[in-house]
Protein backbone atom coordinates (compact mmCIF):
# COMPACT_ATOMS: atom_id res chain seq x y z
CA MET A 1 73.71 -25.09 -26.06
CA LYS A 2 75.74 -23.87 -23.17
CA ALA A 3 79.13 -24.57 -24.81
CA ILE A 4 78.29 -22.31 -27.75
CA LEU A 5 76.55 -19.57 -25.81
CA GLU A 6 79.22 -19.21 -23.11
CA HIS A 7 81.29 -17.06 -25.49
CA TYR A 8 78.63 -14.34 -25.77
CA SER A 9 77.06 -11.64 -23.63
CA LYS A 10 73.44 -11.82 -22.50
CA ASP A 11 72.64 -8.95 -24.87
CA GLN A 12 74.20 -10.76 -27.85
CA ILE A 13 72.28 -13.93 -27.02
CA LYS A 14 69.03 -12.01 -26.62
CA LYS A 15 69.52 -10.32 -30.00
CA ALA A 16 70.43 -13.65 -31.64
CA SER A 17 67.25 -15.28 -30.29
CA SER A 18 65.18 -12.91 -32.46
CA ILE A 19 67.05 -13.48 -35.72
CA LYS A 20 65.07 -14.85 -38.67
CA ALA A 21 67.50 -13.92 -41.47
CA ILE A 22 71.24 -13.70 -42.02
CA PHE A 23 72.35 -11.27 -44.71
CA MET A 24 76.03 -10.92 -45.50
CA ASP A 25 78.76 -9.29 -47.50
CA VAL A 26 81.23 -11.58 -49.28
CA ASP A 27 84.76 -10.21 -49.68
CA GLY A 28 86.40 -10.08 -46.27
CA VAL A 29 83.54 -11.99 -44.62
CA LEU A 30 82.95 -15.23 -46.52
CA THR A 31 86.42 -14.88 -48.04
CA ASP A 32 89.71 -13.59 -46.67
CA GLY A 33 89.31 -10.47 -48.79
CA HIS A 34 91.91 -11.43 -51.37
CA ILE A 35 90.87 -11.29 -55.00
CA VAL A 36 93.02 -13.38 -57.33
CA TYR A 37 92.97 -13.23 -61.12
CA ASP A 38 94.65 -15.65 -63.46
CA GLU A 39 96.26 -14.61 -66.76
CA ALA A 40 92.95 -15.06 -68.58
CA GLY A 41 91.20 -12.73 -66.13
CA HIS A 42 89.30 -15.42 -64.25
CA GLU A 43 88.62 -14.53 -60.64
CA PHE A 44 89.31 -16.92 -57.76
CA LYS A 45 87.99 -16.80 -54.21
CA ASN A 46 88.44 -19.10 -51.23
CA PHE A 47 85.31 -19.96 -49.26
CA HIS A 48 85.35 -21.88 -45.97
CA VAL A 49 83.45 -25.16 -46.09
CA ARG A 50 82.07 -24.67 -42.55
CA ASP A 51 80.27 -21.50 -43.63
CA GLY A 52 78.65 -23.40 -46.47
CA LEU A 53 77.67 -26.48 -44.50
CA ILE A 54 75.50 -24.56 -42.05
CA VAL A 55 73.30 -22.96 -44.74
CA SER A 56 71.16 -26.07 -45.22
CA HIS A 57 70.61 -26.28 -41.46
CA LEU A 58 69.59 -22.62 -41.30
CA LYS A 59 67.09 -23.24 -44.10
CA ARG A 60 65.75 -26.29 -42.24
CA PHE A 61 64.72 -23.97 -39.41
CA GLY A 62 63.31 -21.28 -41.71
CA ILE A 63 66.20 -18.82 -41.40
CA ILE A 64 66.65 -16.83 -44.60
CA THR A 65 70.17 -16.40 -45.95
CA GLY A 66 71.36 -13.91 -48.51
CA ILE A 67 74.26 -12.08 -50.08
CA ILE A 68 74.53 -8.33 -50.60
CA SER A 69 77.87 -7.50 -52.19
CA GLY A 70 79.32 -4.33 -53.62
CA ARG A 71 81.19 -6.31 -56.27
CA GLU A 72 80.00 -8.67 -58.96
CA SER A 73 81.57 -12.09 -59.21
CA ALA A 74 80.72 -15.28 -61.06
CA ALA A 75 82.41 -17.23 -58.26
CA VAL A 76 79.97 -15.74 -55.74
CA SER A 77 76.98 -16.54 -57.95
CA ARG A 78 78.17 -20.12 -58.26
CA ARG A 79 78.72 -20.49 -54.50
CA CYS A 80 75.27 -19.09 -53.72
CA ALA A 81 73.61 -21.46 -56.19
CA GLU A 82 75.61 -24.40 -54.87
CA LEU A 83 74.52 -23.70 -51.28
CA GLY A 84 70.92 -22.77 -52.02
CA ILE A 85 71.29 -19.29 -50.54
CA ASP A 86 67.93 -17.50 -50.82
CA PHE A 87 69.19 -14.47 -52.75
CA CYS A 88 72.40 -13.06 -54.18
CA HIS A 89 72.48 -9.33 -54.92
CA GLN A 90 75.78 -8.13 -56.34
CA GLY A 91 77.08 -4.78 -57.56
CA ILE A 92 75.13 -3.00 -54.84
CA LEU A 93 76.26 0.51 -53.92
CA ASP A 94 73.52 1.35 -51.39
CA LYS A 95 73.35 -1.84 -49.35
CA LEU A 96 71.08 -0.43 -46.64
CA SER A 97 68.26 0.34 -49.09
CA VAL A 98 68.50 -3.24 -50.40
CA VAL A 99 68.35 -4.62 -46.85
CA GLU A 100 65.27 -2.50 -46.14
CA LYS A 101 63.56 -3.71 -49.35
CA LEU A 102 64.41 -7.32 -48.53
CA ALA A 103 63.04 -6.91 -45.00
CA LYS A 104 59.72 -5.77 -46.49
CA HIS A 105 59.78 -8.54 -49.09
CA TYR A 106 60.28 -11.25 -46.47
CA GLY A 107 58.02 -9.63 -43.86
CA LEU A 108 60.90 -9.05 -41.45
CA LYS A 109 61.54 -6.37 -38.89
CA MET A 110 65.07 -4.96 -39.01
CA LYS A 111 65.70 -6.39 -35.52
CA GLU A 112 65.16 -9.88 -37.00
CA ILE A 113 68.10 -9.51 -39.39
CA LEU A 114 71.68 -10.43 -38.55
CA TYR A 115 74.15 -8.71 -40.87
CA LEU A 116 77.74 -9.81 -41.46
CA GLY A 117 80.02 -7.11 -42.84
CA ASP A 118 83.57 -5.86 -42.68
CA ASP A 119 83.93 -2.37 -44.10
CA ILE A 120 82.62 1.19 -44.33
CA ASN A 121 79.77 0.30 -46.69
CA ASP A 122 78.35 -2.10 -44.08
CA VAL A 123 78.25 0.26 -41.09
CA SER A 124 74.89 1.86 -41.96
CA ILE A 125 73.35 -1.62 -41.89
CA PHE A 126 75.07 -2.41 -38.58
CA ARG A 127 73.26 0.58 -37.09
CA GLN A 128 69.84 -0.62 -38.27
CA CYS A 129 69.83 -4.41 -38.01
CA GLY A 130 69.12 -6.61 -35.02
CA LEU A 131 72.60 -8.09 -34.68
CA SER A 132 75.74 -6.97 -36.51
CA VAL A 133 78.81 -9.18 -36.78
CA CYS A 134 82.24 -8.52 -38.24
CA PRO A 135 85.40 -10.61 -38.64
CA SER A 136 88.23 -10.24 -36.13
CA ASP A 137 90.53 -8.76 -38.79
CA THR A 138 88.20 -5.88 -39.61
CA LEU A 139 89.32 -2.27 -39.27
CA SER A 140 88.96 -0.97 -35.71
CA TYR A 141 86.42 1.73 -36.55
CA VAL A 142 84.17 -0.90 -38.14
CA LYS A 143 84.59 -3.20 -35.13
CA ASP A 144 83.46 -0.31 -32.92
CA GLU A 145 80.10 -0.33 -34.74
CA ALA A 146 79.49 -4.09 -34.54
CA ASP A 147 77.48 -5.87 -31.84
CA LEU A 148 79.85 -8.82 -32.10
CA VAL A 149 83.42 -9.13 -33.30
CA SER A 150 83.87 -12.72 -34.40
CA ARG A 151 86.64 -14.85 -32.99
CA PHE A 152 87.50 -15.66 -36.63
CA LYS A 153 89.11 -13.74 -39.45
CA GLY A 154 87.31 -13.16 -42.73
CA GLY A 155 87.00 -16.36 -44.76
CA LYS A 156 87.83 -18.51 -41.74
CA GLY A 157 84.35 -19.31 -40.39
CA VAL A 158 82.79 -15.97 -39.42
CA MET A 159 79.44 -16.88 -40.92
CA ARG A 160 79.48 -20.25 -39.18
CA GLU A 161 80.09 -18.64 -35.80
CA ALA A 162 77.18 -16.24 -36.33
CA ALA A 163 74.90 -19.03 -37.57
CA ASP A 164 75.78 -21.30 -34.64
CA LEU A 165 75.03 -18.44 -32.24
CA VAL A 166 71.60 -17.91 -33.81
CA LEU A 167 70.79 -21.62 -33.90
CA ALA A 168 71.83 -22.05 -30.25
CA ALA A 169 70.05 -18.91 -29.03
CA ARG A 170 66.85 -19.96 -30.80
CA GLY A 171 67.03 -23.50 -29.38
CA PHE A 172 67.62 -25.20 -32.74
CA MET A 173 71.18 -26.44 -32.18
CA GLU A 174 70.09 -29.18 -29.80
CA LYS A 175 67.75 -30.51 -32.51
CA LEU A 176 70.67 -30.60 -34.97
CA LEU A 177 72.88 -32.54 -32.63
């Protein structure tokens, strides 16, 4: 899809054409990074509907989706179950080792993994995966490590942009439309 791909470099498109899995952080990527608690201690997060809608289409084309978060949250577990995300690993301190184990589990090469992250604990994965993407409101030193800085802020459609890029680069978007 020319309209989607015109926003990206040839290198970004080439990398996206090899992607078979999208792994992502949550806070600051799928959400705006704010964590809200009510008086009873219940946690609230805002997720963008466009990020969720694309998951079923990724699955249709065999693209694995998964969460690797440093925090634990019932809201995240619920969202993952609701969307049918392939895995949801929370409370992870060493995210890179989990990504490497998941790559082996799914029979993936690291270059076949797109990783969405926004902070220091995601940079080691950026350096190893096939395509790294961060929100536009990420810290500058994290942006410097990413292959692609999204046009969107965290929680405002970053995952959707990355997914659309992969679907278009792999020739699947035309089949969706």
